[in-house]
Structures are given as structure tokens and as C-alpha cells.
C-alpha atoms as a PDB file:
ATOM      1  CA  MET A   1     -36.101  24.797 -22.703  1.00  0.00           C
ATOM      2  CA  GLY A   2     -35.089  23.039 -19.874  1.00  0.00           C
ATOM      3  CA  CYS A   3     -33.709  24.487 -16.228  1.00  0.00           C
ATOM      4  CA  SER A   4     -30.465  23.259 -13.997  1.00  0.00           C
ATOM      5  CA  ALA A   5     -31.827  21.500 -11.016  1.00  0.00           C
ATOM      6  CA  SER A   6     -30.052  20.572  -8.070  1.00  0.00           C
ATOM      7  CA  ARG A   7     -30.107  16.299  -7.661  1.00  0.00           C
ATOM      8  CA  LYS A   8     -27.501  13.753  -6.093  1.00  0.00           C
ATOM      9  CA  GLU A   9     -25.362  12.126  -7.954  1.00  0.00           C
ATOM     10  CA  VAL A  10     -25.868   8.425  -8.532  1.00  0.00           C
ATOM     11  CA  GLY A  11     -23.687   5.793 -10.057  1.00  0.00           C
ATOM     12  CA  ASP A  12     -20.589   3.631  -9.955  1.00  0.00           C
ATOM     13  CA  ILE A  13     -18.472   5.439 -12.582  1.00  0.00           C
ATOM     14  CA  GLU A  14     -17.842   9.006 -13.655  1.00  0.00           C
ATOM     15  CA  LEU A  15     -16.115  10.466 -16.547  1.00  0.00           C
ATOM     16  CA  ILE A  16     -13.363  12.767 -16.630  1.00  0.00           C
ATOM     17  CA  VAL A  17     -13.051  14.528 -19.816  1.00  0.00           C
ATOM     18  CA  THR A  18      -9.964  16.077 -20.968  1.00  0.00           C
ATOM     19  CA  GLY A  19      -8.352  18.147 -23.916  1.00  0.00           C
ATOM     20  CA  ALA A  20     -11.933  19.496 -24.841  1.00  0.00           C
ATOM     21  CA  GLY A  21     -11.861  23.045 -24.566  1.00  0.00           C
ATOM     22  CA  ASN A  22     -15.144  24.454 -22.359  1.00  0.00           C
ATOM     23  CA  LEU A  23     -16.132  21.501 -22.107  1.00  0.00           C
ATOM     24  CA  SER A  24     -13.280  19.996 -20.409  1.00  0.00           C
ATOM     25  CA  GLY A  25     -14.700  18.258 -16.978  1.00  0.00           C
ATOM     26  CA  ARG A  26     -15.832  16.039 -14.598  1.00  0.00           C
ATOM     27  CA  TYR A  27     -19.216  14.532 -15.611  1.00  0.00           C
ATOM     28  CA  VAL A  28     -21.668  12.608 -13.350  1.00  0.00           C
ATOM     29  CA  GLN A  29     -25.272  10.536 -13.344  1.00  0.00           C
ATOM     30  CA  LEU A  30     -28.332  12.291 -11.298  1.00  0.00           C
ATOM     31  CA  SER A  31     -30.635  10.882  -9.795  1.00  0.00           C
ATOM     32  CA  GLY A  32     -34.197  11.265 -11.572  1.00  0.00           C
ATOM     33  CA  LYS A  33     -31.546  11.887 -15.144  1.00  0.00           C
ATOM     34  CA  SER A  34     -29.355   9.209 -15.212  1.00  0.00           C
ATOM     35  CA  SER A  35     -30.571   7.287 -18.095  1.00  0.00           C
ATOM     36  CA  TYR A  36     -31.485   8.135 -21.975  1.00  0.00           C
ATOM     37  CA  GLN A  37     -32.575   6.394 -24.841  1.00  0.00           C
ATOM     38  CA  GLY A  38     -32.054   3.450 -22.073  1.00  0.00           C
ATOM     39  CA  LYS A  39     -27.938   4.050 -22.121  1.00  0.00           C
ATOM     40  CA  PRO A  40     -26.294   6.108 -18.519  1.00  0.00           C
ATOM     41  CA  TRP A  41     -26.367  10.443 -18.469  1.00  0.00           C
ATOM     42  CA  TRP A  42     -23.695  11.848 -17.168  1.00  0.00           C
ATOM     43  CA  HIS A  43     -24.066  15.209 -16.798  1.00  0.00           C
ATOM     44  CA  LYS A  44     -20.907  17.892 -15.975  1.00  0.00           C
ATOM     45  CA  ASP A  45     -20.391  19.197 -12.523  1.00  0.00           C
ATOM     46  CA  GLY A  46     -23.390  17.813 -11.488  1.00  0.00           C
ATOM     47  CA  ARG A  47     -25.526  20.563 -13.370  1.00  0.00           C
ATOM     48  CA  PHE A  48     -28.087  19.745 -15.291  1.00  0.00           C
ATOM     49  CA  ASN A  49     -29.505  21.725 -17.890  1.00  0.00           C
ATOM     50  CA  GLU A  50     -30.975  19.508 -21.355  1.00  0.00           C
ATOM     51  CA  ASP A  51     -31.210  22.085 -24.003  1.00  0.00           C
ATOM     52  CA  HIS A  52     -27.995  23.684 -23.579  1.00  0.00           C
ATOM     53  CA  GLY A  53     -25.996  21.962 -20.931  1.00  0.00           C
ATOM     54  CA  ARG A  54     -22.997  19.996 -21.333  1.00  0.00           C
ATOM     55  CA  GLN A  55     -23.223  16.112 -21.486  1.00  0.00           C
ATOM     56  CA  VAL A  56     -22.698  12.941 -22.565  1.00  0.00           C
ATOM     57  CA  TRP A  57     -25.676  10.694 -23.597  1.00  0.00           C
ATOM     58  CA  TRP A  58     -26.670   8.461 -26.204  1.00  0.00           C
ATOM     59  CA  ASN A  59     -28.959   9.203 -28.603  1.00  0.00           C
ATOM     60  CA  LYS A  60     -29.626   8.131 -32.260  1.00  0.00           C
ATOM     61  CA  GLY A  61     -27.085   5.106 -32.852  1.00  0.00           C
ATOM     62  CA  GLU A  62     -24.139   7.158 -31.155  1.00  0.00           C
ATOM     63  CA  TRP A  63     -22.971   8.475 -28.156  1.00  0.00           C
ATOM     64  CA  ARG A  64     -22.132  12.311 -27.939  1.00  0.00           C
ATOM     65  CA  VAL A  65     -20.804  15.035 -26.340  1.00  0.00           C
ATOM     66  CA  GLY A  66     -22.163  18.594 -26.148  1.00  0.00           C
ATOM     67  CA  SER A  67     -25.694  19.419 -25.498  1.00  0.00           C
ATOM     68  CA  THR A  68     -28.466  19.454 -28.150  1.00  0.00           C
ATOM     69  CA  SER A  69     -28.116  20.043 -31.142  1.00  0.00           C
ATOM     70  CA  ASP A  70     -24.129  20.857 -30.844  1.00  0.00           C
ATOM     71  CA  HIS A  71     -22.719  17.891 -30.805  1.00  0.00           C
ATOM     72  CA  TRP A  72     -18.623  18.246 -30.153  1.00  0.00           C
ATOM     73  CA  TRP A  73     -17.713  14.819 -30.686  1.00  0.00           C
ATOM     74  CA  ALA A  74     -19.390  10.972 -31.190  1.00  0.00           C
ATOM     75  CA  ASN A  75     -18.557   7.701 -30.685  1.00  0.00           C
ATOM     76  CA  LYS A  76     -20.432   5.116 -32.815  1.00  0.00           C
ATOM     77  CA  ASN A  77     -20.124   2.190 -30.407  1.00  0.00           C
ATOM     78  CA  PRO A  78     -22.867   0.935 -29.208  1.00  0.00           C
ATOM     79  CA  ALA A  79     -21.448  -1.067 -26.173  1.00  0.00           C
ATOM     80  CA  GLN A  80     -21.414   0.824 -22.544  1.00  0.00           C
ATOM     81  CA  PRO A  81     -17.975   2.508 -21.648  1.00  0.00           C
ATOM     82  CA  PRO A  82     -15.164   0.622 -19.962  1.00  0.00           C
ATOM     83  CA  ALA A  83     -14.793  -0.309 -15.525  1.00  0.00           C
ATOM     84  CA  SER A  84     -12.056   2.398 -15.944  1.00  0.00           C
ATOM     85  CA  GLY A  85      -9.517   4.101 -17.922  1.00  0.00           C
ATOM     86  CA  GLU A  86      -9.437   5.679 -20.996  1.00  0.00           C
ATOM     87  CA  TRP A  87     -13.216   5.499 -23.135  1.00  0.00           C
ATOM     88  CA  PRO A  88     -11.678   4.770 -27.103  1.00  0.00           C
ATOM     89  CA  GLY A  89     -13.891   5.311 -30.275  1.00  0.00           C
ATOM     90  CA  TRP A  90     -14.222   9.130 -30.363  1.00  0.00           C
ATOM     91  CA  HIS A  91     -14.210  11.364 -33.776  1.00  0.00           C
ATOM     92  CA  GLN A  92     -15.121  15.231 -33.672  1.00  0.00           C
ATOM     93  CA  LYS A  93     -17.968  16.713 -35.160  1.00  0.00           C
ATOM     94  CA  ASN A  94     -18.766  20.055 -34.158  1.00  0.00           C
ATOM     95  CA  ALA A  95     -16.607  21.312 -32.088  1.00  0.00           C
ATOM     96  CA  LEU A  96     -15.836  24.847 -31.919  1.00  0.00           C
ATOM     97  CA  GLY A  97     -12.850  26.279 -31.415  1.00  0.00           C
ATOM     98  CA  GLY A  98     -11.126  22.958 -32.412  1.00  0.00           C
ATOM     99  CA  PRO A  99      -9.068  20.894 -33.719  1.00  0.00           C
ATOM    100  CA  TYR A 100      -8.788  19.569 -30.249  1.00  0.00           C
ATOM    101  CA  PRO A 101      -5.805  16.796 -30.562  1.00  0.00           C
ATOM    102  CA  HIS A 102      -5.660  16.092 -26.775  1.00  0.00           C
ATOM    103  CA  PHE A 103      -9.589  15.096 -26.755  1.00  0.00           C
ATOM    104  CA  ALA A 104     -10.474  11.849 -24.470  1.00  0.00           C
ATOM    105  CA  ILE A 105     -12.378  11.071 -22.177  1.00  0.00           C
ATOM    106  CA  ALA A 106     -11.199   8.229 -18.777  1.00  0.00           C
ATOM    107  CA  VAL A 107     -13.332   6.823 -16.924  1.00  0.00           C
ATOM    108  CA  ARG A 108     -13.183   5.977 -13.283  1.00  0.00           C
ATOM    109  CA  GLU A 109     -14.801   4.768 -10.431  1.00  0.00           C
ATOM    110  CA  ARG A 110     -17.384   7.707  -8.723  1.00  0.00           C
ATOM    111  CA  ILE A 111     -15.392   8.396  -4.724  1.00  0.00           C
ATOM    112  CA  GLY A 112     -18.528   6.991  -2.169  1.00  0.00           C
ATOM    113  CA  ALA A 113     -20.405   4.844  -4.931  1.00  0.00           C
ATOM    114  CA  GLY A 114     -21.858   1.994  -4.153  1.00  0.00           C
ATOM    115  CA  VAL A 115     -21.349   2.493  -0.346  1.00  0.00           C
ATOM    116  CA  MET A 116     -24.048   3.120   2.116  1.00  0.00           C
ATOM    117  CA  SER A 117     -24.969   6.655   3.569  1.00  0.00           C
ATOM    118  CA  THR A 118     -27.167   7.606   5.896  1.00  0.00           C
ATOM    119  CA  GLU A 119     -27.387  10.590   3.962  1.00  0.00           C
ATOM    120  CA  ASP A 120     -29.374   8.081   1.709  1.00  0.00           C
ATOM    121  CA  THR A 121     -31.420   5.674   3.441  1.00  0.00           C
ATOM    122  CA  GLU A 122     -31.986   4.815   7.254  1.00  0.00           C
ATOM    123  CA  SER A 123     -30.688   1.498   8.129  1.00  0.00           C
ATOM    124  CA  PRO A 124     -33.114  -1.153   9.263  1.00  0.00           C
ATOM    125  CA  PRO A 125     -33.679  -1.800  13.008  1.00  0.00           C
ATOM    126  CA  ASP A 126     -31.551  -3.931  13.621  1.00  0.00           C
ATOM    127  CA  GLN A 127     -29.049  -3.129  11.445  1.00  0.00           C
ATOM    128  CA  PRO A 128     -26.205  -0.692  13.260  1.00  0.00           C
ATOM    129  CA  LYS A 129     -26.165   3.267  11.530  1.00  0.00           C
ATOM    130  CA  PHE A 130     -23.229   3.901   9.631  1.00  0.00           C
ATOM    131  CA  THR A 131     -20.901   6.889  10.241  1.00  0.00           C
ATOM    132  CA  ARG A 132     -18.572   8.719   7.825  1.00  0.00           C
ATOM    133  CA  GLY A 133     -15.563   9.984   8.046  1.00  0.00           C
ATOM    134  CA  ARG A 134     -12.438  11.621   5.820  1.00  0.00           C
ATOM    135  CA  SER A 135      -9.725  10.094   4.720  1.00  0.00           C
ATOM    136  CA  GLY A 136      -6.875  10.343   0.910  1.00  0.00           C
ATOM    137  CA  LEU A 137      -9.433   8.433  -0.520  1.00  0.00           C
ATOM    138  CA  GLY A 138     -12.820  10.463   0.146  1.00  0.00           C
ATOM    139  CA  TRP A 139     -15.199   9.384   2.698  1.00  0.00           C
ATOM    140  CA  VAL A 140     -14.877   5.902   3.996  1.00  0.00           C
ATOM    141  CA  TYR A 141     -17.795   4.136   6.513  1.00  0.00           C
ATOM    142  CA  THR A 142     -17.371   2.497   9.894  1.00  0.00           C
ATOM    143  CA  GLU A 143     -20.067   0.838  11.736  1.00  0.00           C
ATOM    144  CA  SER A 144     -20.624   3.232  14.660  1.00  0.00           C
ATOM    145  CA  GLY A 145     -19.534   1.842  18.015  1.00  0.00           C
ATOM    146  CA  THR A 146     -17.749  -1.424  16.513  1.00  0.00           C
ATOM    147  CA  GLN A 147     -15.288   0.166  14.723  1.00  0.00           C
ATOM    148  CA  LYS A 148     -12.738   3.278  15.132  1.00  0.00           C
ATOM    149  CA  ARG A 149     -10.229   4.408  12.552  1.00  0.00           C
ATOM    150  CA  CYS A 150      -6.615   4.756  13.932  1.00  0.00           C
ATOM    151  CA  LYS A 151      -5.168   8.638  13.847  1.00  0.00           C
ATOM    152  CA  HIS A 152      -1.970   7.100  12.920  1.00  0.00           C
ATOM    153  CA  CYS A 153      -2.334   4.496   9.674  1.00  0.00           C
ATOM    154  CA  GLY A 154      -6.195   5.063   8.721  1.00  0.00           C
ATOM    155  CA  GLN A 155      -7.661   1.815   8.889  1.00  0.00           C
ATOM    156  CA  ALA A 156     -10.713   1.211  10.395  1.00  0.00           C
ATOM    157  CA  ARG A 157     -10.295  -1.753  13.295  1.00  0.00           C
ATOM    158  CA  SER A 158     -12.349  -3.601  16.108  1.00  0.00           C
ATOM    159  CA  ARG A 159     -12.593  -2.774  19.417  1.00  0.00           C
ATOM    160  CA  SER A 160     -10.341  -5.595  20.477  1.00  0.00           C
ATOM    161  CA  MET A 161      -7.278  -3.565  18.010  1.00  0.00           C
ATOM    162  CA  PHE A 162      -6.950  -0.906  20.440  1.00  0.00           C
ATOM    163  CA  VAL A 163      -5.920  -1.007  24.499  1.00  0.00           C
ATOM    164  CA  GLY A 164      -9.014  -0.136  26.540  1.00  0.00           C
ATOM    165  CA  LYS A 165      -7.122   4.124  26.994  1.00  0.00           C
ATOM    166  CA  GLN A 166      -7.042   4.466  23.274  1.00  0.00           C
ATOM    167  CA  TRP A 167     -10.293   3.044  22.850  1.00  0.00           C
ATOM    168  CA  LYS A 168     -12.387   6.005  24.872  1.00  0.00           C
ATOM    169  CA  LYS A 169     -10.725   8.558  22.790  1.00  0.00           C
ATOM    170  CA  PRO A 170     -12.172  10.096  20.145  1.00  0.00           C
ATOM    171  CA  ARG A 171      -9.046   9.856  17.277  1.00  0.00           C
ATOM    172  CA  PRO A 172      -6.938   6.840  19.013  1.00  0.00           C
ATOM    173  CA  THR A 173      -3.783   4.624  17.853  1.00  0.00           C
ATOM    174  CA  CYS A 174      -4.152   0.790  17.082  1.00  0.00           C
ATOM    175  CA  VAL A 175      -1.840  -1.355  18.590  1.00  0.00           C
ATOM    176  CA  ASP A 176       0.054  -1.964  15.430  1.00  0.00           C
ATOM    177  CA  CYS A 177       0.510   1.810  14.864  1.00  0.00           C
ATOM    178  CA  ALA A 178       1.736   1.954  18.923  1.00  0.00           C
ATOM    179  CA  SER A 179       4.209  -0.836  18.528  1.00  0.00           C
ATOM    180  CA  ARG A 180       5.538   0.297  15.668  1.00  0.00           C
ATOM    181  CA  LEU A 181       6.380   3.851  16.974  1.00  0.00           C
ATOM    182  CA  SER A 182       7.448   2.904  20.316  1.00  0.00           C
ATOM    183  CA  ALA A 183      10.306   0.952  18.364  1.00  0.00           C
ATOM    184  CA  GLN A 184      10.602   4.368  16.185  1.00  0.00           C
ATOM    185  CA  ASN A 185      10.859   6.208  19.754  1.00  0.00           C
ATOM    186  CA  ALA A 186      13.418   3.720  21.394  1.00  0.00           C
ATOM    187  CA  THR A 187      15.952   3.801  17.921  1.00  0.00           C
ATOM    188  CA  ALA A 188      15.776   7.592  18.217  1.00  0.00           C
ATOM    189  CA  GLU A 189      16.533   7.816  21.971  1.00  0.00           C
ATOM    190  CA  GLN A 190      19.865   6.247  21.604  1.00  0.00           C
ATOM    191  CA  PRO A 191      22.126   8.852  22.363  1.00  0.00           C
ATOM    192  CA  PRO A 192      24.887   9.131  19.814  1.00  0.00           C
ATOM    193  CA  PRO A 193      28.619   6.941  20.735  1.00  0.00           C
ATOM    194  CA  PRO A 194      30.640   9.284  21.763  1.00  0.00           C
ATOM    195  CA  PRO A 195      33.764  10.533  19.221  1.00  0.00           C
ATOM    196  CA  PRO A 196      37.329   8.837  20.042  1.00  0.00           C
ATOM    197  CA  ALA A 197      39.075  10.443  22.988  1.00  0.00           C
ATOM    198  CA  ARG A 198      41.732  12.757  21.557  1.00  0.00           C
ATOM    199  CA  ARG A 199      45.251  13.108  23.429  1.00  0.00           C
ATOM    200  CA  TRP A 200      47.014  15.598  24.976  1.00  0.00           C
ATOM    201  CA  PHE A 201      49.098  16.814  22.437  1.00  0.00           C
ATOM    202  CA  SER A 202      46.593  18.553  20.451  1.00  0.00           C
ATOM    203  CA  ARG A 203      43.150  19.688  20.341  1.00  0.00           C
ATOM    204  CA  ALA A 204      43.218  21.258  16.368  1.00  0.00           C
ATOM    205  CA  GLU A 205      46.250  18.317  14.563  1.00  0.00           C
ATOM    206  CA  PRO A 206      45.914  15.348  14.477  1.00  0.00           C
ATOM    207  CA  GLU A 207      47.482  12.655  17.178  1.00  0.00           C
ATOM    208  CA  PRO A 208      51.304  12.529  16.514  1.00  0.00           C
ATOM    209  CA  SER A 209      53.543   9.551  15.634  1.00  0.00           C
ATOM    210  CA  ALA A 210      55.408   7.457  17.443  1.00  0.00           C
ATOM    211  CA  PRO A 211      59.187   8.654  16.833  1.00  0.00           C
ATOM    212  CA  LYS A 212      57.783  12.314  18.004  1.00  0.00           C
ATOM    213  CA  PHE A 213      56.047  11.328  20.846  1.00  0.00           C
ATOM    214  CA  GLU A 214      59.389   9.198  22.410  1.00  0.00           C
ATOM    215  CA  GLU A 215      60.943  12.825  21.254  1.00  0.00           C
ATOM    216  CA  MET A 216      58.916  15.295  23.623  1.00  0.00           C
ATOM    217  CA  TYR A 217      58.500  12.568  26.483  1.00  0.00           C
ATOM    218  CA  ASN A 218      62.737  12.770  26.264  1.00  0.00           C
ATOM    219  CA  GLN A 219      62.529  16.089  26.321  1.00  0.00           C
ATOM    220  CA  ILE A 220      59.922  16.644  29.192  1.00  0.00           C
ATOM    221  CA  ALA A 221      62.078  13.923  31.099  1.00  0.00           C
ATOM    222  CA  ALA A 222      65.600  15.359  30.810  1.00  0.00           C
ATOM    223  CA  TRP A 223      63.393  18.968  32.017  1.00  0.00           C
ATOM    224  CA  TYR A 224      62.276  17.564  34.983  1.00  0.00           C
ATOM    225  CA  ASN A 225      65.205  15.336  36.514  1.00  0.00           C
ATOM    226  CA  GLY A 226      67.126  19.236  35.926  1.00  0.00           C
ATOM    227  CA  LEU A 227      68.586  20.377  38.896  1.00  0.00           C
ATOM    228  CA  GLU A 228      66.086  23.780  38.885  1.00  0.00           C
ATOM    229  CA  ASN A 229      62.858  21.445  39.034  1.00  0.00           C
ATOM    230  CA  ALA A 230      63.349  19.890  42.819  1.00  0.00           C
ATOM    231  CA  ALA A 231      60.058  21.492  43.680  1.00  0.00           C
ATOM    232  CA  LEU A 232      58.456  19.400  41.049  1.00  0.00           C
ATOM    233  CA  ARG A 233      59.968  16.839  41.664  1.00  0.00           C
ATOM    234  CA  ALA A 234      59.244  16.481  45.640  1.00  0.00           C
ATOM    235  CA  ARG A 235      55.647  17.000  44.708  1.00  0.00           C
ATOM    236  CA  TRP A 236      55.021  14.407  41.879  1.00  0.00           C
ATOM    237  CA  GLY A 237      57.701  12.033  42.496  1.00  0.00           C
ATOM    238  CA  PRO A 238      60.079   9.998  40.139  1.00  0.00           C
ATOM    239  CA  PHE A 239      58.799  11.065  36.038  1.00  0.00           C
ATOM    240  CA  PRO A 240      57.135   7.939  35.187  1.00  0.00           C
ATOM    241  CA  ASP A 241      57.657   5.157  32.478  1.00  0.00           C
ATOM    242  CA  PRO A 242      56.661   6.095  29.029  1.00  0.00           C
ATOM    243  CA  ASP A 243      53.337   4.078  29.406  1.00  0.00           C
ATOM    244  CA  GLU A 244      52.783   5.110  32.110  1.00  0.00           C
ATOM    245  CA  PHE A 245      53.371   8.886  31.512  1.00  0.00           C
ATOM    246  CA  GLN A 246      49.916   9.549  30.481  1.00  0.00           C
ATOM    247  CA  THR A 247      47.689   8.274  33.045  1.00  0.00           C
ATOM    248  CA  TRP A 248      50.983   9.778  35.712  1.00  0.00           C
ATOM    249  CA  PRO A 249      49.418  12.286  38.987  1.00  0.00           C
ATOM    250  CA  GLY A 250      51.452  15.039  37.835  1.00  0.00           C
ATOM    251  CA  PHE A 251      50.520  14.431  33.857  1.00  0.00           C
ATOM    252  CA  VAL A 252      49.254  18.291  32.943  1.00  0.00           C
ATOM    253  CA  ARG A 253      50.900  19.888  35.827  1.00  0.00           C
ATOM    254  CA  VAL A 254      54.371  19.154  34.496  1.00  0.00           C
ATOM    255  CA  THR A 255      53.379  19.453  31.225  1.00  0.00           C
ATOM    256  CA  ASN A 256      51.952  22.693  31.511  1.00  0.00           C
ATOM    257  CA  ALA A 257      55.203  23.656  33.503  1.00  0.00           C
ATOM    258  CA  PHE A 258      57.319  22.280  30.750  1.00  0.00           C
ATOM    259  CA  LEU A 259      55.862  24.111  27.663  1.00  0.00           C
ATOM    260  CA  ASP A 260      55.753  27.538  29.867  1.00  0.00           C
ATOM    261  CA  ALA A 261      59.994  26.894  30.688  1.00  0.00           C
ATOM    262  CA  ARG A 262      59.913  26.521  27.098  1.00  0.00           C
ATOM    263  CA  ILE A 263      58.004  29.565  26.053  1.00  0.00           C
ATOM    264  CA  LYS A 264      60.846  31.337  28.086  1.00  0.00           C
ATOM    265  CA  LYS A 265      63.501  29.806  27.258  1.00  0.00           C
ATOM    266  CA  ASN A 266      62.625  31.305  23.475  1.00  0.00           C
ATOM    267  CA  LYS A 267      61.834  34.502  24.690  1.00  0.00           C
ATOM    268  CA  GLN A 268      65.048  35.355  25.889  1.00  0.00           C
ATOM    269  CA  ILE A 269      66.783  33.882  23.049  1.00  0.00           C
ATOM    270  CA  ILE A 270      65.219  36.218  20.842  1.00  0.00           C
ATOM    271  CA  ASN A 271      65.235  38.764  23.347  1.00  0.00           C
ATOM    272  CA  GLN A 272      69.050  38.259  23.520  1.00  0.00           C
ATOM    273  CA  GLY A 273      69.605  38.192  19.466  1.00  0.00           C
ATOM    274  CA  ARG A 274      67.087  41.706  19.277  1.00  0.00           C
ATOM    275  CA  ASN A 275      70.291  42.901  21.881  1.00  0.00           C
ATOM    276  CA  ILE A 276      72.949  41.982  20.035  1.00  0.00           C
ATOM    277  CA  LEU A 277      71.414  43.255  16.445  1.00  0.00           C
ATOM    278  CA  LYS A 278      71.299  46.547  18.182  1.00  0.00           C
ATOM    279  CA  ASN A 279      74.899  46.194  19.660  1.00  0.00           C
ATOM    280  CA  TYR A 280      75.849  45.782  15.684  1.00  0.00           C
END
């Protein structure tokens, strides 16, 4: 019986097994146990156990999924798996708890495969060291001192793509992203256009039509020129023409005085009506 051991993942591709019960998962090659019978050998979750581990391997003219003497699926096609996508041609053998109608094996590139890493080997003395940084696509390796990764776009760029102040920062912004952000800020800082100016008639109602304006203008003009408003005329002068009415200095004061007078007159009329009804 073999025993489990911690080994480094190797190889360019990994297998994703789905619809296989407890055999579902990620299968990778391991250093020292990457091939069997001259064919690639994959181990579930990167764990090696020769007798009871979950594996994908080639033996006795077929690819097998399962463990020693317990093969759940097999594939008679001796060809290597495709570079990517689904690996077809599998048939069920001794799948416990089956059937498994959705069983499938997909092939994908292993993250970090084929990229130089300081964990695997040291760079030659005359070559620049490599550092790695985490990105949405996994580990990315760049030459130390010659490139930095922009904190906005995530691209590894040379020093010429950063201004001096940004290049000195641990997480700099490249010139392309700086230009894009500057344009976005300029757009955001522009104030919205002011709302259209409302006229004096009402803040809650739309502007009246021309006939209503002329009617109101005429009523105010007649009231303003009455005998009782000599003091207003002495203060504000002659009543203006319709086109100059709203820009007239006395516009607000005279209009408010007219409205107050009309309210007062209406109250007097109401009180007179009440007195008539009371005496009836």
C-alpha cells in the first residue's frame, strides 16, 4: 500500500472531473509521479496514494478514473487528452452508486504552468530575478526592477509607462490609466445645468398662458393707478409697459401689495355676506 505525500504540482494542464460523485474534483500531475506506463498520471487534489488515491492514469490499453482495482470509468482511446475542453470517449465500468449521467472530464491549462518561478529554480547570475504578484488570472511574474504592475489596469509595464513619482510607489498608476481617470474626473466635476428660471406667478404651477398674464397685468395696473395708491406711485413711479413689467424695480413690492389688497377686499366681501345672512 502506498502512502500519501506532499509533492509539487507539475505539467501544463489539469483535469476537472464533474458528475462523478466523490471522484469529482481537480486532478494534477505531481513531481516524481507525473507519468505511468509512459503516459501522464493525474492525482485528485494534488494528493498521491498509489493504492487508494483518486487518479486518472493509463494502464492495460485504457485510460482509467478511480483507484487501483477500482476503476469507475475507462477510455480505450490511447491518444493524449486534448489541449483544452472536454475529453470525450469515456464509458462507465464499476462506478459505485451510479449511474452518473453527467460525468465529464474537462482539460484546462494549469495556473502558473510553464512560467518561471523563484520557487522552482534560481535565475542565472546574469539574468534578472523574477517576482510574482497575484492577479485575477492567478500568479503573474515580472522582472524585478524593470517592470511594475499598474494598480488600476493590472498590466505589467516598463518604467517608461510611469511618471517619476508613480514609479517610486509600491502600487503605481500607469500613464494610460492616469489619463483615463483624469478625463473621468473632469466629466464628473462639471456641474449640471441650472433648472429653467421660473416666472413670478407660482412656484408650484406652470406658467400661465398669455391671455392670463395680460389679464393680471391689467388688473394690477388699474389698481396701481387708483387714488388710494398715490404713495406707491410716488415711490416707484409710473406703471411700466407689459414687456418691462417683470424687470421693473417695483415689480415684487407692487405685486405683493396688490395681492394683499385683493385678499383684504375678498375678506371684506365675505364678512359682508355673513352679516347679511345673520340679519336675514
